[in-house]
C-alpha atoms as a PDB file:
ATOM      1  CA  UNK A   1     -44.875  -0.869 127.219  1.00  0.00           C
ATOM      2  CA  UNK A   2     -46.901   1.246 129.618  1.00  0.00           C
ATOM      3  CA  UNK A   3     -50.147   3.009 128.744  1.00  0.00           C
ATOM      4  CA  UNK A   4     -48.395   6.396 129.004  1.00  0.00           C
ATOM      5  CA  UNK A   5     -46.070   5.519 126.130  1.00  0.00           C
ATOM      6  CA  UNK A   6     -48.636   4.015 123.779  1.00  0.00           C
ATOM      7  CA  UNK A   7     -49.491   5.982 120.661  1.00  0.00           C
ATOM      8  CA  UNK A   8     -52.849   7.732 121.160  1.00  0.00           C
ATOM      9  CA  UNK A   9     -55.745   6.445 119.059  1.00  0.00           C
ATOM     10  CA  UNK A  10     -57.890   9.207 117.599  1.00  0.00           C
ATOM     11  CA  UNK A  11     -61.511   8.802 116.459  1.00  0.00           C
ATOM     12  CA  UNK A  12     -62.250   8.876 112.738  1.00  0.00           C
ATOM     13  CA  UNK A  13     -64.207  11.512 110.828  1.00  0.00           C
ATOM     14  CA  UNK A  14     -68.004  11.400 110.610  1.00  0.00           C
ATOM     15  CA  UNK A  15     -69.043   8.985 107.817  1.00  0.00           C
ATOM     16  CA  UNK A  16     -71.287  11.604 106.187  1.00  0.00           C
ATOM     17  CA  UNK A  17     -68.369  13.994 105.813  1.00  0.00           C
ATOM     18  CA  UNK A  18     -66.232  11.184 104.400  1.00  0.00           C
ATOM     19  CA  UNK A  19     -68.876  10.643 101.730  1.00  0.00           C
ATOM     20  CA  UNK A  20     -68.758  14.370 100.943  1.00  0.00           C
ATOM     21  CA  UNK A  21     -64.991  14.114 100.554  1.00  0.00           C
ATOM     22  CA  UNK A  22     -65.538  11.362  98.014  1.00  0.00           C
ATOM     23  CA  UNK A  23     -68.083  13.464  96.109  1.00  0.00           C
ATOM     24  CA  UNK A  24     -65.760  16.462  95.851  1.00  0.00           C
ATOM     25  CA  UNK A  25     -62.848  14.203  94.925  1.00  0.00           C
ATOM     26  CA  UNK A  26     -64.963  12.922  92.037  1.00  0.00           C
ATOM     27  CA  UNK A  27     -65.761  16.462  90.908  1.00  0.00           C
ATOM     28  CA  UNK A  28     -62.078  17.350  91.077  1.00  0.00           C
ATOM     29  CA  UNK A  29     -61.095  14.329  89.008  1.00  0.00           C
ATOM     30  CA  UNK A  30     -63.762  15.164  86.435  1.00  0.00           C
ATOM     31  CA  UNK A  31     -62.498  18.738  86.070  1.00  0.00           C
ATOM     32  CA  UNK A  32     -58.828  17.767  85.955  1.00  0.00           C
ATOM     33  CA  UNK A  33     -59.395  15.050  83.340  1.00  0.00           C
ATOM     34  CA  UNK A  34     -61.824  17.107  81.244  1.00  0.00           C
ATOM     35  CA  UNK A  35     -59.223  19.752  80.371  1.00  0.00           C
ATOM     36  CA  UNK A  36     -56.699  17.449  78.614  1.00  0.00           C
ATOM     37  CA  UNK A  37     -59.501  15.380  77.041  1.00  0.00           C
ATOM     38  CA  UNK A  38     -61.075  18.508  75.587  1.00  0.00           C
ATOM     39  CA  UNK A  39     -57.732  19.661  74.208  1.00  0.00           C
ATOM     40  CA  UNK A  40     -56.368  16.277  73.127  1.00  0.00           C
ATOM     41  CA  UNK A  41     -56.480  17.240  69.434  1.00  0.00           C
ATOM     42  CA  UNK A  42     -55.134  20.740  69.943  1.00  0.00           C
ATOM     43  CA  UNK A  43     -51.616  21.344  68.630  1.00  0.00           C
ATOM     44  CA  UNK A  44     -51.050  24.066  71.217  1.00  0.00           C
ATOM     45  CA  UNK A  45     -51.895  21.891  74.222  1.00  0.00           C
ATOM     46  CA  UNK A  46     -48.927  20.638  76.238  1.00  0.00           C
ATOM     47  CA  UNK A  47     -49.330  18.059  78.983  1.00  0.00           C
ATOM     48  CA  UNK A  48     -46.126  19.271  80.620  1.00  0.00           C
ATOM     49  CA  UNK A  49     -47.381  22.858  80.614  1.00  0.00           C
ATOM     50  CA  UNK A  50     -50.705  21.651  81.988  1.00  0.00           C
ATOM     51  CA  UNK A  51     -49.019  20.098  85.001  1.00  0.00           C
ATOM     52  CA  UNK A  52     -46.840  23.189  85.397  1.00  0.00           C
ATOM     53  CA  UNK A  53     -49.772  25.236  86.712  1.00  0.00           C
ATOM     54  CA  UNK A  54     -49.805  25.596  90.496  1.00  0.00           C
ATOM     55  CA  UNK A  55     -53.596  25.403  90.356  1.00  0.00           C
ATOM     56  CA  UNK A  56     -53.521  21.980  88.709  1.00  0.00           C
ATOM     57  CA  UNK A  57     -50.888  20.572  91.052  1.00  0.00           C
ATOM     58  CA  UNK A  58     -52.636  21.841  94.184  1.00  0.00           C
ATOM     59  CA  UNK A  59     -55.955  20.415  92.987  1.00  0.00           C
ATOM     60  CA  UNK A  60     -54.331  17.047  92.273  1.00  0.00           C
ATOM     61  CA  UNK A  61     -53.105  17.027  95.875  1.00  0.00           C
ATOM     62  CA  UNK A  62     -56.608  17.987  97.018  1.00  0.00           C
ATOM     63  CA  UNK A  63     -58.123  15.032  95.188  1.00  0.00           C
ATOM     64  CA  UNK A  64     -55.584  12.770  96.910  1.00  0.00           C
ATOM     65  CA  UNK A  65     -56.435  14.271 100.319  1.00  0.00           C
ATOM     66  CA  UNK A  66     -60.156  13.794  99.734  1.00  0.00           C
ATOM     67  CA  UNK A  67     -59.817  10.226  98.453  1.00  0.00           C
ATOM     68  CA  UNK A  68     -57.536   9.088 101.260  1.00  0.00           C
ATOM     69  CA  UNK A  69     -59.664  10.975 103.763  1.00  0.00           C
ATOM     70  CA  UNK A  70     -62.812   9.311 102.432  1.00  0.00           C
ATOM     71  CA  UNK A  71     -61.551   5.728 102.411  1.00  0.00           C
ATOM     72  CA  UNK A  72     -58.831   5.501 105.080  1.00  0.00           C
ATOM     73  CA  UNK A  73     -59.148   8.736 107.080  1.00  0.00           C
ATOM     74  CA  UNK A  74     -55.717   8.416 108.745  1.00  0.00           C
ATOM     75  CA  UNK A  75     -55.120  10.475 111.871  1.00  0.00           C
ATOM     76  CA  UNK A  76     -51.329  10.341 112.073  1.00  0.00           C
ATOM     77  CA  UNK A  77     -49.264  13.505 112.487  1.00  0.00           C
ATOM     78  CA  UNK A  78     -47.628  13.091 109.069  1.00  0.00           C
ATOM     79  CA  UNK A  79     -50.988  12.835 107.348  1.00  0.00           C
ATOM     80  CA  UNK A  80     -52.354  15.861 109.174  1.00  0.00           C
ATOM     81  CA  UNK A  81     -49.265  17.813 108.110  1.00  0.00           C
ATOM     82  CA  UNK A  82     -49.935  16.751 104.517  1.00  0.00           C
ATOM     83  CA  UNK A  83     -53.575  17.828 104.866  1.00  0.00           C
ATOM     84  CA  UNK A  84     -52.508  21.174 106.270  1.00  0.00           C
ATOM     85  CA  UNK A  85     -49.996  21.719 103.482  1.00  0.00           C
ATOM     86  CA  UNK A  86     -52.576  20.943 100.802  1.00  0.00           C
ATOM     87  CA  UNK A  87     -55.069  23.254 102.484  1.00  0.00           C
ATOM     88  CA  UNK A  88     -52.513  26.070 102.394  1.00  0.00           C
ATOM     89  CA  UNK A  89     -51.825  25.455  98.687  1.00  0.00           C
ATOM     90  CA  UNK A  90     -55.518  25.674  97.903  1.00  0.00           C
ATOM     91  CA  UNK A  91     -55.939  28.821  99.992  1.00  0.00           C
ATOM     92  CA  UNK A  92     -53.019  30.284  98.021  1.00  0.00           C
ATOM     93  CA  UNK A  93     -54.692  29.179  94.785  1.00  0.00           C
ATOM     94  CA  UNK A  94     -58.006  30.783  95.677  1.00  0.00           C
ATOM     95  CA  UNK A  95     -56.592  34.066  96.975  1.00  0.00           C
ATOM     96  CA  UNK A  96     -54.053  34.572  94.180  1.00  0.00           C
ATOM     97  CA  UNK A  97     -56.697  33.827  91.581  1.00  0.00           C
ATOM     98  CA  UNK A  98     -59.108  36.330  93.131  1.00  0.00           C
ATOM     99  CA  UNK A  99     -56.469  39.039  93.509  1.00  0.00           C
ATOM    100  CA  UNK A 100     -54.198  38.579  90.489  1.00  0.00           C
ATOM    101  CA  UNK A 101     -55.721  36.209  87.947  1.00  0.00           C
ATOM    102  CA  UNK A 102     -59.478  36.724  87.812  1.00  0.00           C
ATOM    103  CA  UNK A 103     -59.223  38.489  84.445  1.00  0.00           C
ATOM    104  CA  UNK A 104     -56.252  36.505  83.083  1.00  0.00           C
ATOM    105  CA  UNK A 105     -56.477  33.555  80.690  1.00  0.00           C
ATOM    106  CA  UNK A 106     -55.124  30.563  82.632  1.00  0.00           C
ATOM    107  CA  UNK A 107     -56.203  27.921  80.101  1.00  0.00           C
ATOM    108  CA  UNK A 108     -59.517  27.224  81.867  1.00  0.00           C
ATOM    109  CA  UNK A 109     -62.106  28.405  79.358  1.00  0.00           C
ATOM    110  CA  UNK A 110     -64.886  26.286  80.874  1.00  0.00           C
ATOM    111  CA  UNK A 111     -66.468  28.423  83.582  1.00  0.00           C
ATOM    112  CA  UNK A 112     -67.568  25.476  85.721  1.00  0.00           C
ATOM    113  CA  UNK A 113     -63.994  24.139  85.830  1.00  0.00           C
ATOM    114  CA  UNK A 114     -62.639  27.582  86.618  1.00  0.00           C
ATOM    115  CA  UNK A 115     -65.073  28.052  89.490  1.00  0.00           C
ATOM    116  CA  UNK A 116     -64.576  24.521  90.801  1.00  0.00           C
ATOM    117  CA  UNK A 117     -60.759  24.555  90.842  1.00  0.00           C
ATOM    118  CA  UNK A 118     -60.262  28.167  91.939  1.00  0.00           C
ATOM    119  CA  UNK A 119     -63.199  28.767  94.262  1.00  0.00           C
ATOM    120  CA  UNK A 120     -65.249  25.737  95.343  1.00  0.00           C
ATOM    121  CA  UNK A 121     -62.531  23.180  96.103  1.00  0.00           C
ATOM    122  CA  UNK A 122     -60.338  25.711  97.968  1.00  0.00           C
ATOM    123  CA  UNK A 123     -63.347  26.588 100.119  1.00  0.00           C
ATOM    124  CA  UNK A 124     -64.308  22.948 100.685  1.00  0.00           C
ATOM    125  CA  UNK A 125     -60.853  21.797 101.758  1.00  0.00           C
ATOM    126  CA  UNK A 126     -60.561  24.768 104.117  1.00  0.00           C
ATOM    127  CA  UNK A 127     -63.944  23.895 105.618  1.00  0.00           C
ATOM    128  CA  UNK A 128     -62.767  20.293 105.932  1.00  0.00           C
ATOM    129  CA  UNK A 129     -59.734  21.572 107.857  1.00  0.00           C
ATOM    130  CA  UNK A 130     -62.025  23.530 110.208  1.00  0.00           C
ATOM    131  CA  UNK A 131     -64.744  20.912 110.639  1.00  0.00           C
ATOM    132  CA  UNK A 132     -62.257  18.042 111.028  1.00  0.00           C
ATOM    133  CA  UNK A 133     -59.133  19.690 112.471  1.00  0.00           C
ATOM    134  CA  UNK A 134     -56.094  17.616 113.452  1.00  0.00           C
ATOM    135  CA  UNK A 135     -56.351  16.159 116.946  1.00  0.00           C
ATOM    136  CA  UNK A 136     -52.694  16.895 117.703  1.00  0.00           C
ATOM    137  CA  UNK A 137     -50.989  20.273 117.838  1.00  0.00           C
ATOM    138  CA  UNK A 138     -49.101  21.461 114.740  1.00  0.00           C
ATOM    139  CA  UNK A 139     -46.435  24.008 115.609  1.00  0.00           C
ATOM    140  CA  UNK A 140     -45.730  27.192 113.673  1.00  0.00           C
ATOM    141  CA  UNK A 141     -42.318  25.806 112.791  1.00  0.00           C
ATOM    142  CA  UNK A 142     -43.936  22.721 111.288  1.00  0.00           C
ATOM    143  CA  UNK A 143     -46.390  24.852 109.337  1.00  0.00           C
ATOM    144  CA  UNK A 144     -43.486  26.709 107.727  1.00  0.00           C
ATOM    145  CA  UNK A 145     -42.415  23.454 106.064  1.00  0.00           C
ATOM    146  CA  UNK A 146     -45.659  23.649 104.084  1.00  0.00           C
ATOM    147  CA  UNK A 147     -44.071  26.399 101.973  1.00  0.00           C
ATOM    148  CA  UNK A 148     -41.360  24.081 100.632  1.00  0.00           C
ATOM    149  CA  UNK A 149     -43.505  23.082  97.684  1.00  0.00           C
ATOM    150  CA  UNK A 150     -44.428  26.639  96.555  1.00  0.00           C
ATOM    151  CA  UNK A 151     -40.742  27.630  96.749  1.00  0.00           C
ATOM    152  CA  UNK A 152     -39.656  24.586  94.738  1.00  0.00           C
ATOM    153  CA  UNK A 153     -42.450  25.295  92.261  1.00  0.00           C
ATOM    154  CA  UNK A 154     -41.249  28.875  91.835  1.00  0.00           C
ATOM    155  CA  UNK A 155     -37.660  27.758  91.210  1.00  0.00           C
ATOM    156  CA  UNK A 156     -38.845  25.138  88.721  1.00  0.00           C
ATOM    157  CA  UNK A 157     -40.929  27.705  86.846  1.00  0.00           C
ATOM    158  CA  UNK A 158     -38.119  30.255  86.654  1.00  0.00           C
ATOM    159  CA  UNK A 159     -35.611  27.647  85.467  1.00  0.00           C
ATOM    160  CA  UNK A 160     -37.930  26.031  82.925  1.00  0.00           C
ATOM    161  CA  UNK A 161     -39.452  29.280  81.639  1.00  0.00           C
ATOM    162  CA  UNK A 162     -36.475  30.526  79.584  1.00  0.00           C
ATOM    163  CA  UNK A 163     -35.864  27.015  78.235  1.00  0.00           C
ATOM    164  CA  UNK A 164     -39.356  26.568  76.769  1.00  0.00           C
ATOM    165  CA  UNK A 165     -40.191  30.280  76.482  1.00  0.00           C
ATOM    166  CA  UNK A 166     -43.366  29.816  78.498  1.00  0.00           C
ATOM    167  CA  UNK A 167     -44.535  30.833  81.969  1.00  0.00           C
ATOM    168  CA  UNK A 168     -47.839  29.784  83.570  1.00  0.00           C
ATOM    169  CA  UNK A 169     -48.615  33.117  85.248  1.00  0.00           C
ATOM    170  CA  UNK A 170     -47.813  36.750  84.378  1.00  0.00           C
ATOM    171  CA  UNK A 171     -46.569  37.610  87.886  1.00  0.00           C
ATOM    172  CA  UNK A 172     -43.764  35.056  87.493  1.00  0.00           C
ATOM    173  CA  UNK A 173     -42.922  36.025  83.901  1.00  0.00           C
ATOM    174  CA  UNK A 174     -39.841  38.311  83.656  1.00  0.00           C
ATOM    175  CA  UNK A 175     -40.560  38.949  79.978  1.00  0.00           C
ATOM    176  CA  UNK A 176     -43.617  40.985  81.000  1.00  0.00           C
ATOM    177  CA  UNK A 177     -42.197  43.061  83.856  1.00  0.00           C
ATOM    178  CA  UNK A 178     -38.443  42.548  84.058  1.00  0.00           C
ATOM    179  CA  UNK A 179     -36.525  40.635  86.712  1.00  0.00           C
ATOM    180  CA  UNK A 180     -36.387  43.422  89.296  1.00  0.00           C
ATOM    181  CA  UNK A 181     -40.119  44.070  89.440  1.00  0.00           C
ATOM    182  CA  UNK A 182     -40.846  40.361  89.270  1.00  0.00           C
ATOM    183  CA  UNK A 183     -38.434  39.652  92.137  1.00  0.00           C
ATOM    184  CA  UNK A 184     -40.047  42.313  94.330  1.00  0.00           C
ATOM    185  CA  UNK A 185     -43.473  40.908  93.552  1.00  0.00           C
ATOM    186  CA  UNK A 186     -42.375  37.349  94.371  1.00  0.00           C
ATOM    187  CA  UNK A 187     -40.878  38.432  97.708  1.00  0.00           C
ATOM    188  CA  UNK A 188     -44.174  40.118  98.617  1.00  0.00           C
ATOM    189  CA  UNK A 189     -46.027  37.001  97.484  1.00  0.00           C
ATOM    190  CA  UNK A 190     -43.786  34.777  99.609  1.00  0.00           C
ATOM    191  CA  UNK A 191     -44.456  36.916 102.672  1.00  0.00           C
ATOM    192  CA  UNK A 192     -48.175  36.660 101.955  1.00  0.00           C
ATOM    193  CA  UNK A 193     -47.831  32.870 101.752  1.00  0.00           C
ATOM    194  CA  UNK A 194     -46.099  32.825 105.131  1.00  0.00           C
ATOM    195  CA  UNK A 195     -49.077  34.667 106.599  1.00  0.00           C
ATOM    196  CA  UNK A 196     -51.488  32.285 104.875  1.00  0.00           C
ATOM    197  CA  UNK A 197     -49.639  29.299 106.315  1.00  0.00           C
ATOM    198  CA  UNK A 198     -49.747  30.765 109.824  1.00  0.00           C
ATOM    199  CA  UNK A 199     -53.426  31.634 109.366  1.00  0.00           C
ATOM    200  CA  UNK A 200     -54.421  28.131 108.240  1.00  0.00           C
ATOM    201  CA  UNK A 201     -52.552  26.591 111.150  1.00  0.00           C
ATOM    202  CA  UNK A 202     -54.064  29.069 113.620  1.00  0.00           C
ATOM    203  CA  UNK A 203     -57.545  28.388 112.240  1.00  0.00           C
ATOM    204  CA  UNK A 204     -56.940  24.678 112.722  1.00  0.00           C
ATOM    205  CA  UNK A 205     -55.901  25.224 116.334  1.00  0.00           C
ATOM    206  CA  UNK A 206     -58.990  27.298 117.086  1.00  0.00           C
ATOM    207  CA  UNK A 207     -61.199  24.700 115.413  1.00  0.00           C
ATOM    208  CA  UNK A 208     -59.428  21.995 117.427  1.00  0.00           C
ATOM    209  CA  UNK A 209     -60.225  23.741 120.715  1.00  0.00           C
ATOM    210  CA  UNK A 210     -63.836  24.321 119.665  1.00  0.00           C
ATOM    211  CA  UNK A 211     -64.371  20.811 118.317  1.00  0.00           C
ATOM    212  CA  UNK A 212     -62.549  18.677 120.878  1.00  0.00           C
ATOM    213  CA  UNK A 213     -62.592  20.928 123.933  1.00  0.00           C
ATOM    214  CA  UNK A 214     -60.802  19.530 126.965  1.00  0.00           C
ATOM    215  CA  UNK A 215     -59.523  16.466 125.123  1.00  0.00           C
ATOM    216  CA  UNK A 216     -56.969  18.595 123.240  1.00  0.00           C
ATOM    217  CA  UNK A 217     -54.587  18.935 126.201  1.00  0.00           C
ATOM    218  CA  UNK A 218     -54.847  15.243 127.056  1.00  0.00           C
ATOM    219  CA  UNK A 219     -54.047  14.262 123.467  1.00  0.00           C
ATOM    220  CA  UNK A 220     -51.207  16.778 123.318  1.00  0.00           C
ATOM    221  CA  UNK A 221     -49.787  15.291 126.520  1.00  0.00           C
ATOM    222  CA  UNK A 222     -50.003  11.816 125.037  1.00  0.00           C
ATOM    223  CA  UNK A 223     -48.199  13.130 121.977  1.00  0.00           C
ATOM    224  CA  UNK A 224     -45.372  14.441 124.190  1.00  0.00           C
ATOM    225  CA  UNK A 225     -45.134  11.051 125.879  1.00  0.00           C
ATOM    226  CA  UNK A 226     -44.601   9.393 122.498  1.00  0.00           C
ATOM    227  CA  UNK A 227     -42.296  12.113 121.187  1.00  0.00           C
ATOM    228  CA  UNK A 228     -44.859  13.320 118.647  1.00  0.00           C
ATOM    229  CA  UNK A 229     -45.446  16.834 119.973  1.00  0.00           C
ATOM    230  CA  UNK A 230     -42.577  19.331 119.812  1.00  0.00           C
ATOM    231  CA  UNK A 231     -43.922  22.196 121.882  1.00  0.00           C
ATOM    232  CA  UNK A 232     -47.006  23.398 123.684  1.00  0.00           C
ATOM    233  CA  UNK A 233     -48.587  26.842 123.609  1.00  0.00           C
END
């Protein structure tokens, strides 16, 4: 095998930042575990409902990203796509909470948990994406695959909602607004998510150029040689 066809080896993240990932992963675990422990004796608490909140699921993924990033720090394309997807989910979580849910009861009575899951961790993982951007190029088409999970989540919520007579958020609850208004709102929300996905990917590209400079094109070329890069800007 020639050098031109070997898979490029990318440097790992700064050890100090990897320690910070571990710290925020620990805070995320503490918050996520505290909620069910606090409500363990409550008759109204449902573990299934708990894990049916987009906020909880996206924060679970964030903890995974931080833990793996702290200990292994893989640099493969698949892992960077997973990082990007999780970053988008947390950006969605933070923006939707600020715009639609700031004054709505979403089962997070503890203020520190609310702030951590809806504000701090979304900001931290986005900063992680900017400070440690992927070394290889992620195309816009690839970034659109990040929205698979939110779409599947929406379908799951709409199918399960009538069965259990419970919806996690008012904007996806047809009992509150009717199916027509809800459908219009969800279409607008989906378009907003598309823009968020493009924005996160674009921010990563800009950070990549700023952080790695001239090495970006060389690494992209190596990716083409190994079949890893689909297109160049």
